[in-house]
Amino acid sequence: MSNNLRKLRNIFYYQIFNVTLLVFTMSNAVNAKNLVYENNWAYLADTVMGGVSQGSAEFASGALRLTGQVSTKNNGGFIQVRTRVDPKEAKGRTGLKIKVKGNGEIYYLHIRNASARLPWHYYTANFSTNEKWREVIIPFDQFEKSATLMPRKLNPDTIKTLGLVAYGKDHKADVSIANLEFY
């Protein structure tokens, strides 16, 4: 094979490699889907079990905002918004990436999956907020189980729902989330 032919072959292979790499990179970017969009989230509070917490959720300027008063009276203590998730979205992913701001309180992400059989079964991770938007990255291995009968580690391939939750103590809740995606 001549030198010119070798050079052409190497250039051809190099271009195929670059195109393949570009397609692979673009396909990964497309898979990182923002799960925050209107009409996909449902609000619920501890009133479903006799608690007295009050709150609401609304969309404004491309963000989901959860506000209210969390009360631990009557064995209550939470308000939340929850969305269903296609388990394929999390398959092979490492964790969650969120863009949030709030009133300085600590908030929680709750994940329910195939091993969360009862309403109080979930995996949880917390994050702090302040008045400026910031990105928070939470690996799946930082999520802790809520019940002893659940597997110790979260299996992300079986995720069913994600919840943004204010709970655990009497306080005013005000948290906004503009982006939530698996990474």
C-alpha atoms as a PDB file:
ATOM      1  CA  MET A   1       0.000   0.000   0.000  1.00  0.00           C
ATOM      2  CA  SER A   2       1.386   3.392  -0.947  1.00  0.00           C
ATOM      3  CA  ASN A   3       2.004   6.199   1.537  1.00  0.00           C
ATOM      4  CA  ASN A   4      -0.734   8.337  -0.034  1.00  0.00           C
ATOM      5  CA  LEU A   5      -3.236   5.504   0.257  1.00  0.00           C
ATOM      6  CA  ARG A   6      -2.263   4.946   3.921  1.00  0.00           C
ATOM      7  CA  LYS A   7      -2.700   8.659   4.657  1.00  0.00           C
ATOM      8  CA  LEU A   8      -6.141   8.663   3.031  1.00  0.00           C
ATOM      9  CA  ARG A   9      -7.150   5.553   4.991  1.00  0.00           C
ATOM     10  CA  ASN A  10      -5.959   7.120   8.281  1.00  0.00           C
ATOM     11  CA  ILE A  11      -7.838  10.348   7.555  1.00  0.00           C
ATOM     12  CA  PHE A  12     -10.963   8.334   6.717  1.00  0.00           C
ATOM     13  CA  TYR A  13     -10.726   6.309   9.985  1.00  0.00           C
ATOM     14  CA  TYR A  14     -10.054   9.485  11.967  1.00  0.00           C
ATOM     15  CA  GLN A  15     -13.166  11.154  10.510  1.00  0.00           C
ATOM     16  CA  ILE A  16     -15.324   8.085  11.234  1.00  0.00           C
ATOM     17  CA  PHE A  17     -14.022   8.078  14.818  1.00  0.00           C
ATOM     18  CA  ASN A  18     -14.859  11.792  15.235  1.00  0.00           C
ATOM     19  CA  VAL A  19     -18.359  11.370  13.793  1.00  0.00           C
ATOM     20  CA  THR A  20     -18.985   8.338  16.040  1.00  0.00           C
ATOM     21  CA  LEU A  21     -17.748  10.261  19.086  1.00  0.00           C
ATOM     22  CA  LEU A  22     -19.945  13.251  18.185  1.00  0.00           C
ATOM     23  CA  VAL A  23     -23.042  11.065  17.759  1.00  0.00           C
ATOM     24  CA  PHE A  24     -22.328   9.274  21.057  1.00  0.00           C
ATOM     25  CA  THR A  25     -21.865  12.599  22.897  1.00  0.00           C
ATOM     26  CA  MET A  26     -25.020  14.072  21.375  1.00  0.00           C
ATOM     27  CA  SER A  27     -27.081  10.999  22.253  1.00  0.00           C
ATOM     28  CA  ASN A  28     -25.983  11.257  25.894  1.00  0.00           C
ATOM     29  CA  ALA A  29     -26.921  14.939  25.984  1.00  0.00           C
ATOM     30  CA  VAL A  30     -30.354  14.173  24.565  1.00  0.00           C
ATOM     31  CA  ASN A  31     -30.933  11.541  27.261  1.00  0.00           C
ATOM     32  CA  ALA A  32     -30.405  14.114  30.027  1.00  0.00           C
ATOM     33  CA  LYS A  33     -34.045  15.194  30.107  1.00  0.00           C
ATOM     34  CA  ASN A  34     -35.292  17.938  32.435  1.00  0.00           C
ATOM     35  CA  LEU A  35     -38.142  16.380  34.429  1.00  0.00           C
ATOM     36  CA  VAL A  36     -39.512  19.752  35.570  1.00  0.00           C
ATOM     37  CA  TYR A  37     -42.394  20.675  33.318  1.00  0.00           C
ATOM     38  CA  GLU A  38     -45.926  21.830  33.940  1.00  0.00           C
ATOM     39  CA  ASN A  39     -48.810  19.380  34.461  1.00  0.00           C
ATOM     40  CA  ASN A  40     -46.403  16.574  35.355  1.00  0.00           C
ATOM     41  CA  TRP A  41     -46.324  17.167  39.130  1.00  0.00           C
ATOM     42  CA  ALA A  42     -48.947  16.433  41.787  1.00  0.00           C
ATOM     43  CA  TYR A  43     -49.137  18.219  45.152  1.00  0.00           C
ATOM     44  CA  LEU A  44     -49.931  16.362  48.350  1.00  0.00           C
ATOM     45  CA  ALA A  45     -49.569  16.989  52.080  1.00  0.00           C
ATOM     46  CA  ASP A  46     -49.858  15.240  55.418  1.00  0.00           C
ATOM     47  CA  THR A  47     -53.591  16.053  55.426  1.00  0.00           C
ATOM     48  CA  VAL A  48     -54.066  12.677  53.692  1.00  0.00           C
ATOM     49  CA  MET A  49     -53.226  11.104  57.078  1.00  0.00           C
ATOM     50  CA  GLY A  50     -54.731  13.657  59.478  1.00  0.00           C
ATOM     51  CA  GLY A  51     -51.894  16.217  59.552  1.00  0.00           C
ATOM     52  CA  VAL A  52     -52.479  19.953  59.299  1.00  0.00           C
ATOM     53  CA  SER A  53     -49.645  21.193  57.040  1.00  0.00           C
ATOM     54  CA  GLN A  54     -50.776  23.578  54.307  1.00  0.00           C
ATOM     55  CA  GLY A  55     -49.119  24.415  51.035  1.00  0.00           C
ATOM     56  CA  SER A  56     -49.310  24.755  47.304  1.00  0.00           C
ATOM     57  CA  ALA A  57     -47.254  24.282  44.182  1.00  0.00           C
ATOM     58  CA  GLU A  58     -47.167  26.462  41.093  1.00  0.00           C
ATOM     59  CA  PHE A  59     -45.153  26.998  37.941  1.00  0.00           C
ATOM     60  CA  ALA A  60     -43.611  30.422  37.373  1.00  0.00           C
ATOM     61  CA  SER A  61     -40.813  31.475  35.011  1.00  0.00           C
ATOM     62  CA  GLY A  62     -39.988  27.896  34.061  1.00  0.00           C
ATOM     63  CA  ALA A  63     -39.638  26.685  37.650  1.00  0.00           C
ATOM     64  CA  LEU A  64     -41.762  24.641  40.011  1.00  0.00           C
ATOM     65  CA  ARG A  65     -42.272  26.385  43.358  1.00  0.00           C
ATOM     66  CA  LEU A  66     -43.422  24.587  46.516  1.00  0.00           C
ATOM     67  CA  THR A  67     -44.567  26.853  49.350  1.00  0.00           C
ATOM     68  CA  GLY A  68     -46.457  26.426  52.582  1.00  0.00           C
ATOM     69  CA  GLN A  69     -46.395  25.870  56.300  1.00  0.00           C
ATOM     70  CA  VAL A  70     -45.153  22.504  57.535  1.00  0.00           C
ATOM     71  CA  SER A  71     -46.634  21.455  60.880  1.00  0.00           C
ATOM     72  CA  THR A  72     -45.844  18.392  62.988  1.00  0.00           C
ATOM     73  CA  LYS A  73     -49.227  18.589  64.786  1.00  0.00           C
ATOM     74  CA  ASN A  74     -51.449  15.474  64.563  1.00  0.00           C
ATOM     75  CA  ASN A  75     -48.440  13.316  63.602  1.00  0.00           C
ATOM     76  CA  GLY A  76     -48.003  15.259  60.369  1.00  0.00           C
ATOM     77  CA  GLY A  77     -45.069  17.159  59.026  1.00  0.00           C
ATOM     78  CA  PHE A  78     -44.782  17.325  55.242  1.00  0.00           C
ATOM     79  CA  ILE A  79     -45.807  18.954  51.990  1.00  0.00           C
ATOM     80  CA  GLN A  80     -44.539  17.718  48.651  1.00  0.00           C
ATOM     81  CA  VAL A  81     -44.838  17.611  44.894  1.00  0.00           C
ATOM     82  CA  ARG A  82     -44.278  14.320  43.122  1.00  0.00           C
ATOM     83  CA  THR A  83     -43.830  13.208  39.541  1.00  0.00           C
ATOM     84  CA  ARG A  84     -43.879   9.812  37.855  1.00  0.00           C
ATOM     85  CA  VAL A  85     -40.695   8.669  36.174  1.00  0.00           C
ATOM     86  CA  ASP A  86     -40.146   6.219  33.372  1.00  0.00           C
ATOM     87  CA  PRO A  87     -37.587   3.779  34.854  1.00  0.00           C
ATOM     88  CA  LYS A  88     -35.694   3.820  31.546  1.00  0.00           C
ATOM     89  CA  GLU A  89     -34.758   7.472  32.248  1.00  0.00           C
ATOM     90  CA  ALA A  90     -32.554   6.451  35.203  1.00  0.00           C
ATOM     91  CA  LYS A  91     -31.143   3.218  33.792  1.00  0.00           C
ATOM     92  CA  GLY A  92     -27.362   3.334  33.810  1.00  0.00           C
ATOM     93  CA  ARG A  93     -27.272   6.767  35.455  1.00  0.00           C
ATOM     94  CA  THR A  94     -25.265   7.765  38.527  1.00  0.00           C
ATOM     95  CA  GLY A  95     -27.540  10.243  40.290  1.00  0.00           C
ATOM     96  CA  LEU A  96     -29.654  13.390  40.104  1.00  0.00           C
ATOM     97  CA  LYS A  97     -28.686  16.909  39.144  1.00  0.00           C
ATOM     98  CA  ILE A  98     -31.021  19.718  40.237  1.00  0.00           C
ATOM     99  CA  LYS A  99     -31.117  23.497  39.946  1.00  0.00           C
ATOM    100  CA  VAL A 100     -32.726  24.970  43.084  1.00  0.00           C
ATOM    101  CA  LYS A 101     -33.215  28.029  45.242  1.00  0.00           C
ATOM    102  CA  GLY A 102     -35.136  28.558  48.451  1.00  0.00           C
ATOM    103  CA  ASN A 103     -35.464  30.270  51.787  1.00  0.00           C
ATOM    104  CA  GLY A 104     -32.409  28.768  53.481  1.00  0.00           C
ATOM    105  CA  GLU A 105     -34.135  25.623  54.765  1.00  0.00           C
ATOM    106  CA  ILE A 106     -33.120  22.052  54.061  1.00  0.00           C
ATOM    107  CA  TYR A 107     -35.341  20.162  51.608  1.00  0.00           C
ATOM    108  CA  TYR A 108     -35.471  16.582  50.430  1.00  0.00           C
ATOM    109  CA  LEU A 109     -35.747  14.489  47.316  1.00  0.00           C
ATOM    110  CA  HIS A 110     -37.720  11.288  47.831  1.00  0.00           C
ATOM    111  CA  ILE A 111     -37.450   8.435  45.375  1.00  0.00           C
ATOM    112  CA  ARG A 112     -39.961   5.621  45.315  1.00  0.00           C
ATOM    113  CA  ASN A 113     -39.027   2.504  43.383  1.00  0.00           C
ATOM    114  CA  ALA A 114     -40.065  -1.134  43.100  1.00  0.00           C
ATOM    115  CA  SER A 115     -38.926  -1.894  46.670  1.00  0.00           C
ATOM    116  CA  ALA A 116     -41.043   0.961  48.140  1.00  0.00           C
ATOM    117  CA  ARG A 117     -44.198  -1.028  48.796  1.00  0.00           C
ATOM    118  CA  LEU A 118     -45.879   1.074  51.513  1.00  0.00           C
ATOM    119  CA  PRO A 119     -46.615   4.842  51.404  1.00  0.00           C
ATOM    120  CA  TRP A 120     -43.872   5.575  53.966  1.00  0.00           C
ATOM    121  CA  HIS A 121     -41.230   3.635  52.008  1.00  0.00           C
ATOM    122  CA  TYR A 122     -38.843   5.757  49.947  1.00  0.00           C
ATOM    123  CA  TYR A 123     -35.198   6.665  49.545  1.00  0.00           C
ATOM    124  CA  THR A 124     -34.256  10.166  50.644  1.00  0.00           C
ATOM    125  CA  ALA A 125     -31.444  12.691  50.247  1.00  0.00           C
ATOM    126  CA  ASN A 126     -31.419  16.276  51.463  1.00  0.00           C
ATOM    127  CA  PHE A 127     -30.018  19.511  50.101  1.00  0.00           C
ATOM    128  CA  SER A 128     -29.739  23.053  51.425  1.00  0.00           C
ATOM    129  CA  THR A 129     -31.043  26.167  49.725  1.00  0.00           C
ATOM    130  CA  ASN A 130     -30.402  29.890  49.599  1.00  0.00           C
ATOM    131  CA  GLU A 131     -31.914  32.784  47.674  1.00  0.00           C
ATOM    132  CA  LYS A 132     -29.691  32.258  44.598  1.00  0.00           C
ATOM    133  CA  TRP A 133     -30.064  29.533  41.992  1.00  0.00           C
ATOM    134  CA  ARG A 134     -27.488  26.805  42.349  1.00  0.00           C
ATOM    135  CA  GLU A 135     -26.842  23.354  40.947  1.00  0.00           C
ATOM    136  CA  VAL A 136     -26.871  20.405  43.347  1.00  0.00           C
ATOM    137  CA  ILE A 137     -25.574  16.964  42.375  1.00  0.00           C
ATOM    138  CA  ILE A 138     -26.749  13.989  44.428  1.00  0.00           C
ATOM    139  CA  PRO A 139     -25.350  10.533  43.594  1.00  0.00           C
ATOM    140  CA  PHE A 140     -27.770   7.632  44.035  1.00  0.00           C
ATOM    141  CA  ASP A 141     -25.510   6.108  46.687  1.00  0.00           C
ATOM    142  CA  GLN A 142     -26.230   9.093  48.966  1.00  0.00           C
ATOM    143  CA  PHE A 143     -29.942   8.255  49.134  1.00  0.00           C
ATOM    144  CA  GLU A 144     -30.925   6.499  52.372  1.00  0.00           C
ATOM    145  CA  LYS A 145     -33.798   4.096  52.845  1.00  0.00           C
ATOM    146  CA  SER A 146     -36.733   5.089  55.067  1.00  0.00           C
ATOM    147  CA  ALA A 147     -37.690   1.616  56.313  1.00  0.00           C
ATOM    148  CA  THR A 148     -35.861  -1.433  57.581  1.00  0.00           C
ATOM    149  CA  LEU A 149     -37.587  -3.815  55.170  1.00  0.00           C
ATOM    150  CA  MET A 150     -36.125  -2.079  52.118  1.00  0.00           C
ATOM    151  CA  PRO A 151     -32.808  -2.927  50.421  1.00  0.00           C
ATOM    152  CA  ARG A 152     -29.982  -0.771  51.770  1.00  0.00           C
ATOM    153  CA  LYS A 153     -29.052   0.573  48.333  1.00  0.00           C
ATOM    154  CA  LEU A 154     -31.361   2.259  45.878  1.00  0.00           C
ATOM    155  CA  ASN A 155     -31.744   0.437  42.567  1.00  0.00           C
ATOM    156  CA  PRO A 156     -32.124   3.319  40.073  1.00  0.00           C
ATOM    157  CA  ASP A 157     -33.318   0.974  37.315  1.00  0.00           C
ATOM    158  CA  THR A 158     -36.677   0.604  39.121  1.00  0.00           C
ATOM    159  CA  ILE A 159     -37.450   4.264  39.989  1.00  0.00           C
ATOM    160  CA  LYS A 160     -41.175   5.041  39.783  1.00  0.00           C
ATOM    161  CA  THR A 161     -41.558   8.521  41.302  1.00  0.00           C
ATOM    162  CA  LEU A 162     -39.514  11.511  42.445  1.00  0.00           C
ATOM    163  CA  GLY A 163     -40.727  13.924  45.099  1.00  0.00           C
ATOM    164  CA  LEU A 164     -39.585  17.365  46.210  1.00  0.00           C
ATOM    165  CA  VAL A 165     -40.411  17.462  49.921  1.00  0.00           C
ATOM    166  CA  ALA A 166     -40.457  19.886  52.849  1.00  0.00           C
ATOM    167  CA  TYR A 167     -40.785  17.919  56.080  1.00  0.00           C
ATOM    168  CA  GLY A 168     -39.675  16.895  59.519  1.00  0.00           C
ATOM    169  CA  LYS A 169     -40.092  20.077  61.553  1.00  0.00           C
ATOM    170  CA  ASP A 170     -42.389  23.080  61.942  1.00  0.00           C
ATOM    171  CA  HIS A 171     -41.271  25.652  59.384  1.00  0.00           C
ATOM    172  CA  LYS A 172     -42.209  27.861  56.455  1.00  0.00           C
ATOM    173  CA  ALA A 173     -41.386  26.148  53.155  1.00  0.00           C
ATOM    174  CA  ASP A 174     -40.377  27.995  50.008  1.00  0.00           C
ATOM    175  CA  VAL A 175     -38.323  26.084  47.463  1.00  0.00           C
ATOM    176  CA  SER A 176     -38.102  26.324  43.673  1.00  0.00           C
ATOM    177  CA  ILE A 177     -36.670  23.816  41.260  1.00  0.00           C
ATOM    178  CA  ALA A 178     -35.914  24.740  37.647  1.00  0.00           C
ATOM    179  CA  ASN A 179     -34.104  21.637  36.506  1.00  0.00           C
ATOM    180  CA  LEU A 180     -34.061  18.011  37.600  1.00  0.00           C
ATOM    181  CA  GLU A 181     -32.357  15.377  35.506  1.00  0.00           C
ATOM    182  CA  PHE A 182     -30.540  12.093  35.806  1.00  0.00           C
ATOM    183  CA  TYR A 183     -26.825  12.181  35.096  1.00  0.00           C
END
